[in-house]
Amino acid sequence: MLPYKRSQRVGDLLRQEISEIVLSRIKDPRLGFVTVTDVELSDDLKTAHVFISVLKKGEISKTLKILNTAAGFIRHEAAKNVKLRQIPNIVFAEDKSLAYGMKIDGLLKNIEKDERERMKNETS
């Protein structure tokens, strides 16, 4: 038995391929530094949600618009190297996990700081 579902394995393969296509084959000068962070495929392999992060946070909406416009081209290019009966429809979205992780980290640091202050006040 394989350790994880087929949709996850295909998603990992598509993440690599889409990342390569975005970095090397899309020639749009408006496109800044983009990182493909994850691909989540539906269980029926018909839809791929591609999560990206952008270096300049103010350009995320412009970048998503460019990439969603180029989704057909990216899908066509991916079909050349990924051997699937049907390549999934591609939808680009912002990866919010990094911001969420930073928020959780900040909350944990605040709790730790409050705990140190409470311990300091109890000993005084």
C-alpha atoms as a PDB file:
ATOM      1  CA  MET A   1       0.000   0.000   0.000  1.00  0.00           C
ATOM      2  CA  LEU A   2       1.310   3.454  -0.869  1.00  0.00           C
ATOM      3  CA  PRO A   3       1.755   5.861   2.024  1.00  0.00           C
ATOM      4  CA  TYR A   4      -0.518   8.568   0.612  1.00  0.00           C
ATOM      5  CA  LYS A   5      -3.328   9.082  -1.879  1.00  0.00           C
ATOM      6  CA  ARG A   6      -2.895   9.266  -5.627  1.00  0.00           C
ATOM      7  CA  SER A   7      -4.207  12.830  -5.685  1.00  0.00           C
ATOM      8  CA  GLN A   8      -1.358  13.852  -3.363  1.00  0.00           C
ATOM      9  CA  ARG A   9       1.276  12.130  -5.512  1.00  0.00           C
ATOM     10  CA  VAL A  10      -0.091  13.710  -8.688  1.00  0.00           C
ATOM     11  CA  GLY A  11      -0.302  17.064  -6.874  1.00  0.00           C
ATOM     12  CA  ASP A  12       3.387  16.872  -5.963  1.00  0.00           C
ATOM     13  CA  LEU A  13       4.268  16.078  -9.569  1.00  0.00           C
ATOM     14  CA  LEU A  14       2.121  18.945 -10.853  1.00  0.00           C
ATOM     15  CA  ARG A  15       3.657  21.354  -8.322  1.00  0.00           C
ATOM     16  CA  GLN A  16       7.115  20.634  -9.719  1.00  0.00           C
ATOM     17  CA  GLU A  17       5.984  20.912 -13.315  1.00  0.00           C
ATOM     18  CA  ILE A  18       3.900  24.081 -12.839  1.00  0.00           C
ATOM     19  CA  SER A  19       6.729  25.700 -10.897  1.00  0.00           C
ATOM     20  CA  GLU A  20       9.116  25.016 -13.783  1.00  0.00           C
ATOM     21  CA  ILE A  21       6.627  26.381 -16.330  1.00  0.00           C
ATOM     22  CA  VAL A  22       5.977  29.574 -14.341  1.00  0.00           C
ATOM     23  CA  LEU A  23       9.690  30.212 -13.817  1.00  0.00           C
ATOM     24  CA  SER A  24      10.970  29.461 -17.303  1.00  0.00           C
ATOM     25  CA  ARG A  25       8.221  29.532 -19.930  1.00  0.00           C
ATOM     26  CA  ILE A  26       5.909  32.392 -18.971  1.00  0.00           C
ATOM     27  CA  LYS A  27       7.412  35.512 -20.489  1.00  0.00           C
ATOM     28  CA  ASP A  28       5.114  38.146 -18.965  1.00  0.00           C
ATOM     29  CA  PRO A  29       7.290  41.076 -17.768  1.00  0.00           C
ATOM     30  CA  ARG A  30       4.648  42.083 -15.177  1.00  0.00           C
ATOM     31  CA  LEU A  31       5.125  38.787 -13.383  1.00  0.00           C
ATOM     32  CA  GLY A  32       7.404  39.173 -10.363  1.00  0.00           C
ATOM     33  CA  PHE A  33       9.075  36.525  -8.228  1.00  0.00           C
ATOM     34  CA  VAL A  34       6.511  33.743  -7.761  1.00  0.00           C
ATOM     35  CA  THR A  35       6.874  30.540  -5.750  1.00  0.00           C
ATOM     36  CA  VAL A  36       4.499  27.620  -6.200  1.00  0.00           C
ATOM     37  CA  THR A  37       4.089  26.345  -2.649  1.00  0.00           C
ATOM     38  CA  ASP A  38       1.464  23.626  -2.963  1.00  0.00           C
ATOM     39  CA  VAL A  39      -1.025  21.958  -5.279  1.00  0.00           C
ATOM     40  CA  GLU A  40      -4.221  20.461  -3.895  1.00  0.00           C
ATOM     41  CA  LEU A  41      -6.042  18.156  -6.257  1.00  0.00           C
ATOM     42  CA  SER A  42      -9.617  17.052  -5.955  1.00  0.00           C
ATOM     43  CA  ASP A  43     -10.007  13.304  -5.431  1.00  0.00           C
ATOM     44  CA  ASP A  44     -11.326  12.901  -8.980  1.00  0.00           C
ATOM     45  CA  LEU A  45      -8.204  14.722 -10.347  1.00  0.00           C
ATOM     46  CA  LYS A  46     -10.303  17.243 -12.281  1.00  0.00           C
ATOM     47  CA  THR A  47      -9.373  20.448 -10.436  1.00  0.00           C
ATOM     48  CA  ALA A  48      -5.974  21.566  -9.182  1.00  0.00           C
ATOM     49  CA  HIS A  49      -5.784  24.471  -6.745  1.00  0.00           C
ATOM     50  CA  VAL A  50      -2.263  25.869  -7.107  1.00  0.00           C
ATOM     51  CA  PHE A  51      -1.114  27.945  -4.137  1.00  0.00           C
ATOM     52  CA  ILE A  52       1.503  30.614  -4.704  1.00  0.00           C
ATOM     53  CA  SER A  53       3.445  33.122  -2.678  1.00  0.00           C
ATOM     54  CA  VAL A  54       4.803  36.373  -4.069  1.00  0.00           C
ATOM     55  CA  LEU A  55       7.827  38.320  -2.871  1.00  0.00           C
ATOM     56  CA  LYS A  56       6.015  41.681  -2.919  1.00  0.00           C
ATOM     57  CA  LYS A  57       2.708  41.249  -1.078  1.00  0.00           C
ATOM     58  CA  GLY A  58       1.148  44.255  -2.844  1.00  0.00           C
ATOM     59  CA  GLU A  59       1.381  42.434  -6.186  1.00  0.00           C
ATOM     60  CA  ILE A  60      -0.553  39.295  -5.213  1.00  0.00           C
ATOM     61  CA  SER A  61      -3.832  40.226  -6.928  1.00  0.00           C
ATOM     62  CA  LYS A  62      -2.073  41.282 -10.145  1.00  0.00           C
ATOM     63  CA  THR A  63       0.000  38.089 -10.134  1.00  0.00           C
ATOM     64  CA  LEU A  64      -3.050  35.889  -9.542  1.00  0.00           C
ATOM     65  CA  LYS A  65      -4.854  37.585 -12.429  1.00  0.00           C
ATOM     66  CA  ILE A  66      -1.877  37.008 -14.763  1.00  0.00           C
ATOM     67  CA  LEU A  67      -1.486  33.364 -13.752  1.00  0.00           C
ATOM     68  CA  ASN A  68      -5.212  32.572 -13.946  1.00  0.00           C
ATOM     69  CA  THR A  69      -5.243  34.125 -17.432  1.00  0.00           C
ATOM     70  CA  ALA A  70      -2.280  31.909 -18.401  1.00  0.00           C
ATOM     71  CA  ALA A  71      -3.799  28.779 -16.798  1.00  0.00           C
ATOM     72  CA  GLY A  72      -4.735  27.287 -20.176  1.00  0.00           C
ATOM     73  CA  PHE A  73      -1.187  27.691 -21.477  1.00  0.00           C
ATOM     74  CA  ILE A  74       0.241  26.235 -18.248  1.00  0.00           C
ATOM     75  CA  ARG A  75      -2.156  23.285 -18.452  1.00  0.00           C
ATOM     76  CA  HIS A  76      -1.155  22.656 -22.079  1.00  0.00           C
ATOM     77  CA  GLU A  77       2.567  22.793 -21.230  1.00  0.00           C
ATOM     78  CA  ALA A  78       2.098  20.492 -18.235  1.00  0.00           C
ATOM     79  CA  ALA A  79       0.314  17.958 -20.447  1.00  0.00           C
ATOM     80  CA  LYS A  80       3.504  17.569 -22.501  1.00  0.00           C
ATOM     81  CA  ASN A  81       5.489  16.197 -19.542  1.00  0.00           C
ATOM     82  CA  VAL A  82       2.900  14.758 -17.144  1.00  0.00           C
ATOM     83  CA  LYS A  83       1.438  11.505 -18.389  1.00  0.00           C
ATOM     84  CA  LEU A  84      -2.192  11.629 -17.287  1.00  0.00           C
ATOM     85  CA  ARG A  85      -5.314  10.805 -19.225  1.00  0.00           C
ATOM     86  CA  GLN A  86      -6.685  14.253 -18.408  1.00  0.00           C
ATOM     87  CA  ILE A  87      -4.747  17.208 -16.996  1.00  0.00           C
ATOM     88  CA  PRO A  88      -6.791  18.951 -14.287  1.00  0.00           C
ATOM     89  CA  ASN A  89      -8.179  22.463 -14.613  1.00  0.00           C
ATOM     90  CA  ILE A  90      -5.807  24.851 -12.861  1.00  0.00           C
ATOM     91  CA  VAL A  91      -6.933  27.550 -10.441  1.00  0.00           C
ATOM     92  CA  PHE A  92      -4.332  29.785  -8.793  1.00  0.00           C
ATOM     93  CA  ALA A  93      -4.802  31.076  -5.245  1.00  0.00           C
ATOM     94  CA  GLU A  94      -2.753  32.876  -2.613  1.00  0.00           C
ATOM     95  CA  ASP A  95      -0.990  30.676  -0.065  1.00  0.00           C
ATOM     96  CA  LYS A  96      -1.959  32.077   3.305  1.00  0.00           C
ATOM     97  CA  SER A  97      -0.235  29.399   5.384  1.00  0.00           C
ATOM     98  CA  LEU A  98       2.948  31.453   5.824  1.00  0.00           C
ATOM     99  CA  ALA A  99       1.020  34.441   7.195  1.00  0.00           C
ATOM    100  CA  TYR A 100      -1.012  32.105   9.412  1.00  0.00           C
ATOM    101  CA  GLY A 101       2.182  30.493  10.724  1.00  0.00           C
ATOM    102  CA  MET A 102       3.687  33.895  11.491  1.00  0.00           C
ATOM    103  CA  LYS A 103       0.514  34.891  13.349  1.00  0.00           C
ATOM    104  CA  ILE A 104       0.614  31.709  15.458  1.00  0.00           C
ATOM    105  CA  ASP A 105       4.314  32.249  16.148  1.00  0.00           C
ATOM    106  CA  GLY A 106       3.619  35.800  17.322  1.00  0.00           C
ATOM    107  CA  LEU A 107       0.830  34.606  19.617  1.00  0.00           C
ATOM    108  CA  LEU A 108       3.080  31.944  21.136  1.00  0.00           C
ATOM    109  CA  LYS A 109       5.821  34.509  21.734  1.00  0.00           C
ATOM    110  CA  ASN A 110       3.317  36.804  23.460  1.00  0.00           C
ATOM    111  CA  ILE A 111       2.168  33.947  25.696  1.00  0.00           C
ATOM    112  CA  GLU A 112       5.771  33.105  26.550  1.00  0.00           C
ATOM    113  CA  LYS A 113       6.529  36.773  27.339  1.00  0.00           C
ATOM    114  CA  ASP A 114       3.421  37.058  29.548  1.00  0.00           C
ATOM    115  CA  GLU A 115       4.358  33.845  31.361  1.00  0.00           C
ATOM    116  CA  ARG A 116       7.900  35.119  32.036  1.00  0.00           C
ATOM    117  CA  GLU A 117       6.519  38.392  33.389  1.00  0.00           C
ATOM    118  CA  ARG A 118       4.027  36.528  35.584  1.00  0.00           C
ATOM    119  CA  MET A 119       6.787  34.277  36.975  1.00  0.00           C
ATOM    120  CA  LYS A 120       9.000  37.311  37.560  1.00  0.00           C
ATOM    121  CA  ASN A 121       6.213  39.118  39.470  1.00  0.00           C
ATOM    122  CA  GLU A 122       5.506  36.042  41.610  1.00  0.00           C
ATOM    123  CA  THR A 123       9.132  35.753  42.721  1.00  0.00           C
ATOM    124  CA  SER A 124       9.371  39.438  43.606  1.00  0.00           C
END
